[in-house]
Each structure stands twice: as C-alpha cells, then as structure tokens.
C-alpha cells in the first residue's frame, strides 16, 4: 500500500492530532500535481491536486514519538502521487506482509489502545502465534463520529 506519512515527536494522542493536520494539508492540496506537470511546462504554472481521504489512518510507535500514515487511494502509484510541498510529508510504499488484526470500537485513547493490545497479544500467545515489529494502531472514522461507534484495529505483523 502507498502511504503519506510524517513523524511526530510527541505523545500518543498529540501525535495523531498534530500529524492529521499536516497530512490533511497534503491531501487537500498542499502538493504539486504530477498529472499537471505537462500543463505546467506550457503555462509556467504549477497546480495542486486534491486526493480522496481513505482509511485507515495508521499510527506506529517510534523512539520518542510516532509515525502517522494516511493510506493513499488505490488509483495511485508512486510515480503519479502528487509531490508534497511540506517537507515533513514523505511518500512511501509499504511492502505486502501478513498481519493479525484485532478490531474494537471506542475511543482513540492510549489507555484503551494498550488495554486492547495486551488482550490481543495474550490471545495470539495462547494460539502459538508469533509476531514481529511494532503494533500499528489503525483508525477508520473521522473525529466527528461518536466515540462509541468508531472502528479501530490493531495490526501485528506475523513472524515468518
């Protein structure tokens, strides 16, 4: 999958909020469209491109902060994604991998995430399933959705 991502040196909940504004800026037009590059050569004018909002929005722990990712629509490839104008936004292809997924509803708090992660890891351990890497917190709904109706997931990559 293709992602636009940024790193935040802040806590769990702050990282999601701060990164959302930066990444939303990218998809709402703070970019240079590659589709219009030919036109730009002719008119000497660059143009931006709006990108559809997709789900999920992922958050992955790093030393001292978090990596937050917006998933790009399937209609894009790396060579036709608009170029970010904000140097904090990076574009990357995440390689295919097998993951175990735990779905739950409710708030986006760090406390709830850690509680659900602990339950998920215990269930996987009981089943003899080993994982690698950092857990991914995947959010599927807008902040305007009532908290108890939000769909959330935890992704853990399966060990080979």
N, C-alpha and C. Protein backbone atom coordinates (compact mmCIF):
# COMPACT_ATOMS: atom_id res chain seq x y z
N UNK A 1 0.84 -1.17 0.00
CA UNK A 1 0.00 0.00 0.00
C UNK A 1 0.89 1.23 0.00
N UNK A 2 0.38 2.31 -0.58
CA UNK A 2 1.10 3.57 -0.60
C UNK A 2 0.60 4.44 0.55
N UNK A 3 1.53 5.12 1.20
CA UNK A 3 1.16 5.99 2.31
C UNK A 3 1.86 7.34 2.18
N UNK A 4 1.19 8.35 2.73
CA UNK A 4 1.82 9.64 3.00
C UNK A 4 2.00 9.62 4.51
N UNK A 5 3.21 9.92 4.97
CA UNK A 5 3.48 9.78 6.40
C UNK A 5 4.30 10.94 6.94
N UNK A 6 4.21 11.10 8.25
CA UNK A 6 5.01 12.10 8.95
C UNK A 6 5.31 11.58 10.34
N UNK A 7 6.41 12.05 10.90
CA UNK A 7 6.84 11.63 12.23
C UNK A 7 6.60 12.78 13.20
N UNK A 8 6.04 12.44 14.35
CA UNK A 8 5.78 13.43 15.39
C UNK A 8 6.54 13.03 16.65
N UNK A 9 7.26 13.96 17.21
CA UNK A 9 7.99 13.74 18.46
C UNK A 9 7.09 14.20 19.61
N UNK A 10 6.03 13.46 19.86
CA UNK A 10 5.09 13.81 20.91
C UNK A 10 4.40 12.55 21.40
N UNK A 11 3.49 12.72 22.36
CA UNK A 11 2.77 11.59 22.93
C UNK A 11 1.74 11.00 21.98
N UNK A 12 1.17 9.88 22.39
CA UNK A 12 0.23 9.09 21.58
C UNK A 12 -0.89 9.93 20.99
N UNK A 13 -1.66 10.60 21.85
CA UNK A 13 -2.83 11.33 21.37
C UNK A 13 -2.44 12.62 20.65
N UNK A 14 -1.42 13.31 21.14
CA UNK A 14 -0.97 14.54 20.49
C UNK A 14 -0.43 14.26 19.10
N UNK A 15 0.30 13.14 18.96
CA UNK A 15 0.90 12.80 17.66
C UNK A 15 -0.17 12.65 16.59
N UNK A 16 -1.25 11.94 16.93
CA UNK A 16 -2.33 11.76 15.96
C UNK A 16 -2.95 13.07 15.54
N UNK A 17 -3.19 13.96 16.50
CA UNK A 17 -3.80 15.25 16.19
C UNK A 17 -2.86 16.13 15.37
N UNK A 18 -1.61 16.21 15.77
CA UNK A 18 -0.65 17.06 15.06
C UNK A 18 -0.41 16.56 13.63
N UNK A 19 -0.21 15.26 13.50
CA UNK A 19 0.07 14.67 12.19
C UNK A 19 -1.13 14.79 11.26
N UNK A 20 -2.33 14.68 11.83
CA UNK A 20 -3.53 14.75 11.00
C UNK A 20 -3.56 16.07 10.23
N UNK A 21 -3.25 17.17 10.88
CA UNK A 21 -3.28 18.48 10.22
C UNK A 21 -2.25 18.55 9.08
N UNK A 22 -1.07 18.02 9.32
CA UNK A 22 -0.01 18.05 8.31
C UNK A 22 -0.40 17.18 7.10
N UNK A 23 -0.85 15.96 7.37
CA UNK A 23 -1.20 15.04 6.28
C UNK A 23 -2.47 15.47 5.56
N UNK A 24 -3.43 16.02 6.30
CA UNK A 24 -4.65 16.53 5.66
C UNK A 24 -4.29 17.68 4.73
N UNK A 25 -3.33 18.51 5.12
CA UNK A 25 -2.88 19.58 4.23
C UNK A 25 -2.40 19.02 2.90
N UNK A 26 -1.63 17.93 2.97
CA UNK A 26 -1.14 17.30 1.74
C UNK A 26 -2.29 16.83 0.85
N UNK A 27 -3.24 16.07 1.40
CA UNK A 27 -4.30 15.52 0.55
C UNK A 27 -5.31 16.57 0.10
N UNK A 28 -5.41 17.69 0.83
CA UNK A 28 -6.34 18.75 0.44
C UNK A 28 -5.72 19.77 -0.51
N UNK A 29 -4.47 19.54 -0.94
CA UNK A 29 -3.91 20.39 -1.98
C UNK A 29 -2.57 21.02 -1.71
N UNK A 30 -1.94 20.78 -0.58
CA UNK A 30 -0.60 21.32 -0.34
C UNK A 30 0.41 20.39 -1.01
N UNK A 31 0.32 20.34 -2.33
CA UNK A 31 1.13 19.43 -3.13
C UNK A 31 1.27 19.98 -4.54
N UNK A 32 2.14 19.34 -5.30
CA UNK A 32 2.31 19.67 -6.71
C UNK A 32 1.88 18.45 -7.51
N UNK A 33 0.87 18.62 -8.32
CA UNK A 33 0.31 17.52 -9.09
C UNK A 33 1.26 17.09 -10.20
N UNK A 34 1.50 15.80 -10.28
CA UNK A 34 2.32 15.28 -11.38
C UNK A 34 1.50 15.18 -12.66
N UNK A 35 0.19 15.03 -12.50
CA UNK A 35 -0.68 14.94 -13.67
C UNK A 35 -0.68 16.24 -14.46
N UNK A 36 -0.39 17.34 -13.77
CA UNK A 36 -0.42 18.62 -14.47
C UNK A 36 0.97 19.11 -14.85
N UNK A 37 1.99 18.27 -14.71
CA UNK A 37 3.36 18.74 -15.00
C UNK A 37 3.53 19.16 -16.46
N UNK A 38 2.88 18.47 -17.37
CA UNK A 38 2.96 18.86 -18.78
C UNK A 38 2.33 20.23 -18.99
N UNK A 39 1.16 20.46 -18.36
CA UNK A 39 0.50 21.75 -18.46
C UNK A 39 1.37 22.84 -17.84
N UNK A 40 2.02 22.50 -16.75
CA UNK A 40 2.85 23.49 -16.06
C UNK A 40 3.98 23.96 -16.96
N UNK A 41 4.55 23.06 -17.75
CA UNK A 41 5.62 23.45 -18.66
C UNK A 41 5.12 24.45 -19.70
N UNK A 42 3.88 24.26 -20.12
CA UNK A 42 3.32 25.13 -21.14
C UNK A 42 2.85 26.47 -20.58
N UNK A 43 2.32 26.44 -19.36
CA UNK A 43 1.72 27.66 -18.81
C UNK A 43 2.57 28.33 -17.74
N UNK A 44 3.69 27.69 -17.36
CA UNK A 44 4.55 28.19 -16.29
C UNK A 44 3.81 28.27 -14.96
N UNK A 45 2.80 27.44 -14.79
CA UNK A 45 2.02 27.45 -13.56
C UNK A 45 1.91 26.03 -13.02
N UNK A 46 2.27 25.88 -11.74
CA UNK A 46 2.09 24.58 -11.09
C UNK A 46 0.69 24.51 -10.51
N UNK A 47 0.14 23.32 -10.44
CA UNK A 47 -1.17 23.18 -9.82
C UNK A 47 -1.13 22.04 -8.81
N UNK A 48 -2.05 22.11 -7.89
CA UNK A 48 -2.14 21.08 -6.85
C UNK A 48 -3.26 20.11 -7.22
N UNK A 49 -3.36 19.07 -6.42
CA UNK A 49 -4.36 18.04 -6.67
C UNK A 49 -4.96 17.60 -5.34
N UNK A 50 -6.28 17.53 -5.30
CA UNK A 50 -6.93 17.01 -4.10
C UNK A 50 -6.96 15.49 -4.20
N UNK A 51 -6.68 14.84 -3.07
CA UNK A 51 -6.64 13.39 -3.01
C UNK A 51 -7.77 12.94 -2.08
N UNK A 52 -8.51 11.93 -2.49
CA UNK A 52 -9.61 11.44 -1.65
C UNK A 52 -9.08 10.91 -0.32
N UNK A 53 -9.80 11.21 0.74
CA UNK A 53 -9.46 10.69 2.07
C UNK A 53 -9.83 9.21 2.10
N UNK A 54 -8.90 8.39 2.53
CA UNK A 54 -9.16 6.95 2.64
C UNK A 54 -8.89 6.50 4.07
N UNK A 55 -9.22 5.28 4.34
CA UNK A 55 -8.96 4.69 5.65
C UNK A 55 -8.12 3.45 5.43
N UNK A 56 -7.34 3.08 6.38
CA UNK A 56 -7.23 3.66 7.72
C UNK A 56 -6.15 4.73 7.80
N UNK A 57 -6.15 5.43 8.94
CA UNK A 57 -5.05 6.29 9.35
C UNK A 57 -4.28 5.47 10.38
N UNK A 58 -3.00 5.24 10.11
CA UNK A 58 -2.19 4.37 10.97
C UNK A 58 -1.25 5.17 11.85
N UNK A 59 -0.98 4.62 13.03
CA UNK A 59 -0.05 5.24 13.97
C UNK A 59 0.84 4.14 14.54
N UNK A 60 2.16 4.36 14.46
CA UNK A 60 3.14 3.35 14.86
C UNK A 60 4.15 4.01 15.80
N UNK A 61 4.40 3.36 16.93
CA UNK A 61 5.34 3.91 17.90
C UNK A 61 6.78 3.88 17.42
N UNK A 62 7.50 4.95 17.71
CA UNK A 62 8.92 5.09 17.42
C UNK A 62 9.60 5.57 18.71
N UNK A 63 10.90 5.45 18.82
CA UNK A 63 11.57 6.02 19.99
C UNK A 63 11.31 7.54 20.05
N UNK A 64 10.65 7.98 21.10
CA UNK A 64 10.40 9.40 21.29
C UNK A 64 9.22 9.97 20.54
N UNK A 65 8.44 9.16 19.86
CA UNK A 65 7.31 9.71 19.12
C UNK A 65 6.54 8.66 18.35
N UNK A 66 5.92 9.11 17.26
CA UNK A 66 5.06 8.23 16.46
C UNK A 66 5.16 8.57 14.99
N UNK A 67 5.02 7.55 14.17
CA UNK A 67 4.89 7.68 12.73
C UNK A 67 3.39 7.58 12.43
N UNK A 68 2.85 8.57 11.72
CA UNK A 68 1.42 8.57 11.39
C UNK A 68 1.32 8.54 9.86
N UNK A 69 0.42 7.66 9.36
CA UNK A 69 0.30 7.44 7.92
C UNK A 69 -1.14 7.59 7.45
N UNK A 70 -1.30 8.25 6.31
CA UNK A 70 -2.57 8.23 5.58
C UNK A 70 -2.38 7.24 4.44
N UNK A 71 -3.33 6.35 4.27
CA UNK A 71 -3.32 5.40 3.17
C UNK A 71 -3.79 6.11 1.91
N UNK A 72 -3.04 5.97 0.83
CA UNK A 72 -3.39 6.61 -0.43
C UNK A 72 -4.38 5.74 -1.20
N UNK A 73 -5.26 6.37 -2.00
CA UNK A 73 -6.21 5.60 -2.81
C UNK A 73 -5.50 4.64 -3.76
N UNK A 74 -6.14 3.56 -4.08
CA UNK A 74 -5.56 2.52 -4.95
C UNK A 74 -5.32 3.01 -6.38
N UNK A 75 -5.92 4.12 -6.75
CA UNK A 75 -5.75 4.63 -8.11
C UNK A 75 -4.36 5.21 -8.35
N UNK A 76 -3.59 5.40 -7.28
CA UNK A 76 -2.25 5.99 -7.40
C UNK A 76 -1.16 4.93 -7.39
N UNK A 77 -0.06 5.29 -8.06
CA UNK A 77 1.21 4.57 -7.98
C UNK A 77 2.22 5.60 -7.49
N UNK A 78 3.41 5.15 -7.09
CA UNK A 78 4.41 6.09 -6.61
C UNK A 78 4.74 7.17 -7.65
N UNK A 79 4.72 6.77 -8.93
CA UNK A 79 5.12 7.72 -9.97
C UNK A 79 4.06 8.77 -10.32
N UNK A 80 2.81 8.60 -9.82
CA UNK A 80 1.81 9.63 -10.13
C UNK A 80 1.20 10.28 -8.89
N UNK A 81 1.74 9.98 -7.71
CA UNK A 81 1.29 10.68 -6.50
C UNK A 81 1.78 12.12 -6.55
N UNK A 82 0.95 13.08 -6.18
CA UNK A 82 1.43 14.47 -6.13
C UNK A 82 2.61 14.61 -5.17
N UNK A 83 3.50 15.53 -5.47
CA UNK A 83 4.67 15.78 -4.64
C UNK A 83 4.28 16.67 -3.46
N UNK A 84 4.59 16.26 -2.22
CA UNK A 84 4.27 17.11 -1.07
C UNK A 84 5.06 18.41 -1.11
N UNK A 85 4.42 19.52 -0.74
CA UNK A 85 5.11 20.80 -0.62
C UNK A 85 5.64 21.01 0.79
N UNK A 86 5.13 20.26 1.75
CA UNK A 86 5.60 20.29 3.14
C UNK A 86 6.65 19.19 3.30
N UNK A 87 7.89 19.56 3.64
CA UNK A 87 8.96 18.56 3.70
C UNK A 87 8.80 17.57 4.86
N UNK A 88 7.82 17.77 5.72
CA UNK A 88 7.54 16.80 6.79
C UNK A 88 6.73 15.61 6.27
N UNK A 89 6.16 15.73 5.08
CA UNK A 89 5.36 14.66 4.49
C UNK A 89 6.25 13.84 3.57
N UNK A 90 6.30 12.54 3.82
CA UNK A 90 7.07 11.60 3.00
C UNK A 90 6.10 10.62 2.36
N UNK A 91 6.41 10.21 1.14
CA UNK A 91 5.61 9.20 0.43
C UNK A 91 6.39 7.90 0.42
N UNK A 92 5.68 6.80 0.66
CA UNK A 92 6.39 5.52 0.76
C UNK A 92 5.44 4.38 0.39
N UNK A 93 6.04 3.33 -0.18
CA UNK A 93 5.29 2.10 -0.44
C UNK A 93 5.59 1.13 0.70
N UNK A 94 4.54 0.67 1.37
CA UNK A 94 4.68 -0.30 2.46
C UNK A 94 4.56 -1.68 1.81
N UNK A 95 5.59 -2.53 1.97
CA UNK A 95 5.53 -3.84 1.30
C UNK A 95 4.43 -4.74 1.87
N UNK A 96 3.98 -5.65 1.04
CA UNK A 96 2.96 -6.62 1.47
C UNK A 96 3.53 -7.47 2.60
N UNK A 97 2.67 -7.82 3.54
CA UNK A 97 3.05 -8.66 4.67
C UNK A 97 1.80 -9.29 5.23
N UNK A 98 1.98 -10.34 6.02
CA UNK A 98 0.84 -10.97 6.68
C UNK A 98 0.72 -10.40 8.09
N UNK A 99 -0.50 -10.00 8.42
CA UNK A 99 -0.73 -9.42 9.74
C UNK A 99 -1.91 -10.10 10.42
N UNK A 100 -1.87 -10.05 11.75
CA UNK A 100 -3.02 -10.44 12.56
C UNK A 100 -3.72 -9.14 12.92
N UNK A 101 -5.06 -9.15 12.91
CA UNK A 101 -5.82 -7.93 13.14
C UNK A 101 -6.80 -8.13 14.29
N UNK A 102 -6.84 -7.16 15.18
CA UNK A 102 -7.78 -7.14 16.30
C UNK A 102 -8.63 -5.89 16.15
N UNK A 103 -9.95 -6.05 16.00
CA UNK A 103 -10.86 -4.92 15.83
C UNK A 103 -11.57 -4.62 17.14
N UNK A 104 -11.78 -3.33 17.37
CA UNK A 104 -12.56 -2.91 18.54
C UNK A 104 -13.16 -1.54 18.27
N UNK A 105 -14.19 -1.21 19.04
CA UNK A 105 -14.80 0.11 18.90
C UNK A 105 -14.45 0.95 20.11
N UNK A 106 -14.69 2.23 19.99
CA UNK A 106 -14.47 3.10 21.14
C UNK A 106 -13.46 4.18 20.90
N UNK A 107 -12.98 4.73 22.00
CA UNK A 107 -12.13 5.92 21.96
C UNK A 107 -10.77 5.63 21.37
N UNK A 108 -10.06 6.71 21.06
CA UNK A 108 -8.72 6.63 20.50
C UNK A 108 -7.66 6.85 21.56
N UNK A 109 -8.00 6.64 22.82
CA UNK A 109 -7.04 6.93 23.88
C UNK A 109 -5.91 5.90 23.92
N UNK A 110 -4.78 6.36 24.41
CA UNK A 110 -3.63 5.47 24.56
C UNK A 110 -3.94 4.36 25.56
N UNK A 111 -4.66 4.69 26.61
CA UNK A 111 -5.03 3.69 27.62
C UNK A 111 -5.85 2.56 27.01
N UNK A 112 -6.86 2.91 26.22
CA UNK A 112 -7.71 1.88 25.58
C UNK A 112 -6.89 1.06 24.58
N UNK A 113 -6.03 1.72 23.80
CA UNK A 113 -5.17 1.01 22.85
C UNK A 113 -4.30 -0.01 23.58
N UNK A 114 -3.65 0.40 24.67
CA UNK A 114 -2.76 -0.51 25.40
C UNK A 114 -3.53 -1.67 26.02
N UNK A 115 -4.73 -1.40 26.51
CA UNK A 115 -5.57 -2.47 27.08
C UNK A 115 -5.92 -3.50 26.00
N UNK A 116 -6.35 -3.03 24.84
CA UNK A 116 -6.73 -3.94 23.75
C UNK A 116 -5.51 -4.66 23.19
N UNK A 117 -4.37 -3.99 23.12
CA UNK A 117 -3.14 -4.62 22.65
C UNK A 117 -2.74 -5.77 23.57
N UNK A 118 -2.82 -5.55 24.87
CA UNK A 118 -2.48 -6.60 25.84
C UNK A 118 -3.38 -7.83 25.64
N UNK A 119 -4.67 -7.61 25.50
CA UNK A 119 -5.63 -8.71 25.28
C UNK A 119 -5.28 -9.45 23.98
N UNK A 120 -5.03 -8.71 22.92
CA UNK A 120 -4.69 -9.28 21.61
C UNK A 120 -3.43 -10.13 21.70
N UNK A 121 -2.38 -9.59 22.32
CA UNK A 121 -1.12 -10.33 22.44
C UNK A 121 -1.29 -11.60 23.26
N UNK A 122 -2.10 -11.56 24.31
CA UNK A 122 -2.36 -12.76 25.11
C UNK A 122 -3.07 -13.82 24.29
N UNK A 123 -4.05 -13.41 23.48
CA UNK A 123 -4.78 -14.36 22.63
C UNK A 123 -3.85 -15.00 21.60
N UNK A 124 -2.99 -14.19 20.98
CA UNK A 124 -2.06 -14.73 20.00
C UNK A 124 -1.08 -15.71 20.65
N UNK A 125 -0.59 -15.36 21.83
CA UNK A 125 0.35 -16.22 22.54
C UNK A 125 -0.30 -17.57 22.87
N UNK A 126 -1.56 -17.55 23.33
CA UNK A 126 -2.29 -18.79 23.63
C UNK A 126 -2.40 -19.67 22.40
N UNK A 127 -2.54 -19.04 21.22
CA UNK A 127 -2.68 -19.78 19.97
C UNK A 127 -1.33 -20.12 19.34
N UNK A 128 -0.22 -19.76 19.99
CA UNK A 128 1.10 -20.07 19.48
C UNK A 128 1.50 -19.25 18.27
N UNK A 129 0.95 -18.05 18.15
CA UNK A 129 1.24 -17.19 17.01
C UNK A 129 2.26 -16.14 17.44
N UNK A 130 3.38 -16.07 16.70
CA UNK A 130 4.45 -15.12 17.00
C UNK A 130 4.36 -13.93 16.06
N UNK A 131 4.65 -12.75 16.61
CA UNK A 131 4.63 -11.53 15.81
C UNK A 131 5.97 -10.82 15.90
N UNK A 132 6.17 -9.90 14.96
CA UNK A 132 7.40 -9.10 14.94
C UNK A 132 7.02 -7.63 14.76
N UNK A 133 7.94 -6.75 15.10
CA UNK A 133 7.76 -5.33 14.86
C UNK A 133 6.81 -4.66 15.84
N UNK A 134 6.60 -3.38 15.58
CA UNK A 134 5.75 -2.55 16.42
C UNK A 134 4.28 -2.72 16.04
N UNK A 135 3.38 -2.64 17.01
CA UNK A 135 1.95 -2.68 16.68
C UNK A 135 1.54 -1.42 15.91
N UNK A 136 0.58 -1.59 15.04
CA UNK A 136 0.02 -0.48 14.28
C UNK A 136 -1.39 -0.21 14.80
N UNK A 137 -1.66 1.04 15.15
CA UNK A 137 -3.00 1.45 15.56
C UNK A 137 -3.67 2.03 14.32
N UNK A 138 -4.74 1.38 13.84
CA UNK A 138 -5.43 1.80 12.63
C UNK A 138 -6.80 2.37 12.98
N UNK A 139 -7.05 3.60 12.52
CA UNK A 139 -8.32 4.28 12.77
C UNK A 139 -9.08 4.41 11.45
N UNK A 140 -10.40 4.16 11.51
CA UNK A 140 -11.21 4.15 10.29
C UNK A 140 -12.24 5.27 10.20
N UNK A 141 -12.44 6.03 11.25
CA UNK A 141 -13.51 7.02 11.24
C UNK A 141 -12.99 8.43 11.50
N UNK A 142 -13.80 9.40 11.14
CA UNK A 142 -13.44 10.80 11.38
C UNK A 142 -13.58 11.10 12.88
N UNK A 143 -12.93 12.16 13.31
CA UNK A 143 -13.06 12.55 14.72
C UNK A 143 -14.48 12.98 15.08
N UNK A 144 -15.31 13.22 14.07
CA UNK A 144 -16.69 13.65 14.33
C UNK A 144 -17.63 12.49 14.59
N UNK A 145 -17.20 11.27 14.31
CA UNK A 145 -18.02 10.09 14.60
C UNK A 145 -18.09 9.92 16.12
N UNK A 146 -19.26 9.60 16.63
CA UNK A 146 -19.41 9.37 18.07
C UNK A 146 -18.40 8.31 18.51
N UNK A 147 -17.73 8.54 19.63
CA UNK A 147 -16.62 7.70 20.06
C UNK A 147 -16.99 6.23 20.15
N UNK A 148 -18.21 5.92 20.59
CA UNK A 148 -18.59 4.52 20.77
C UNK A 148 -18.93 3.83 19.45
N UNK A 149 -19.00 4.57 18.36
CA UNK A 149 -19.26 3.99 17.04
C UNK A 149 -17.99 3.89 16.17
N UNK A 150 -16.86 4.31 16.72
CA UNK A 150 -15.61 4.29 15.93
C UNK A 150 -15.06 2.88 15.78
N UNK A 151 -14.58 2.60 14.57
CA UNK A 151 -13.92 1.33 14.29
C UNK A 151 -12.42 1.53 14.37
N UNK A 152 -11.78 0.72 15.20
CA UNK A 152 -10.34 0.77 15.39
C UNK A 152 -9.77 -0.64 15.21
N UNK A 153 -8.52 -0.71 14.84
CA UNK A 153 -7.84 -2.01 14.72
C UNK A 153 -6.43 -1.90 15.26
N UNK A 154 -5.92 -3.04 15.68
CA UNK A 154 -4.50 -3.19 16.00
C UNK A 154 -3.97 -4.22 15.03
N UNK A 155 -2.88 -3.89 14.36
CA UNK A 155 -2.24 -4.80 13.42
C UNK A 155 -0.91 -5.26 14.00
N UNK A 156 -0.65 -6.54 13.96
CA UNK A 156 0.65 -7.10 14.36
C UNK A 156 1.15 -7.98 13.22
N UNK A 157 2.37 -7.72 12.77
CA UNK A 157 2.93 -8.49 11.67
C UNK A 157 3.30 -9.88 12.17
N UNK A 158 2.93 -10.90 11.38
CA UNK A 158 3.22 -12.28 11.74
C UNK A 158 4.67 -12.61 11.44
N UNK A 159 5.29 -13.33 12.37
CA UNK A 159 6.67 -13.81 12.14
C UNK A 159 6.63 -14.88 11.08
N UNK A 160 7.67 -14.96 10.27
CA UNK A 160 7.71 -15.95 9.18
C UNK A 160 8.03 -17.32 9.70
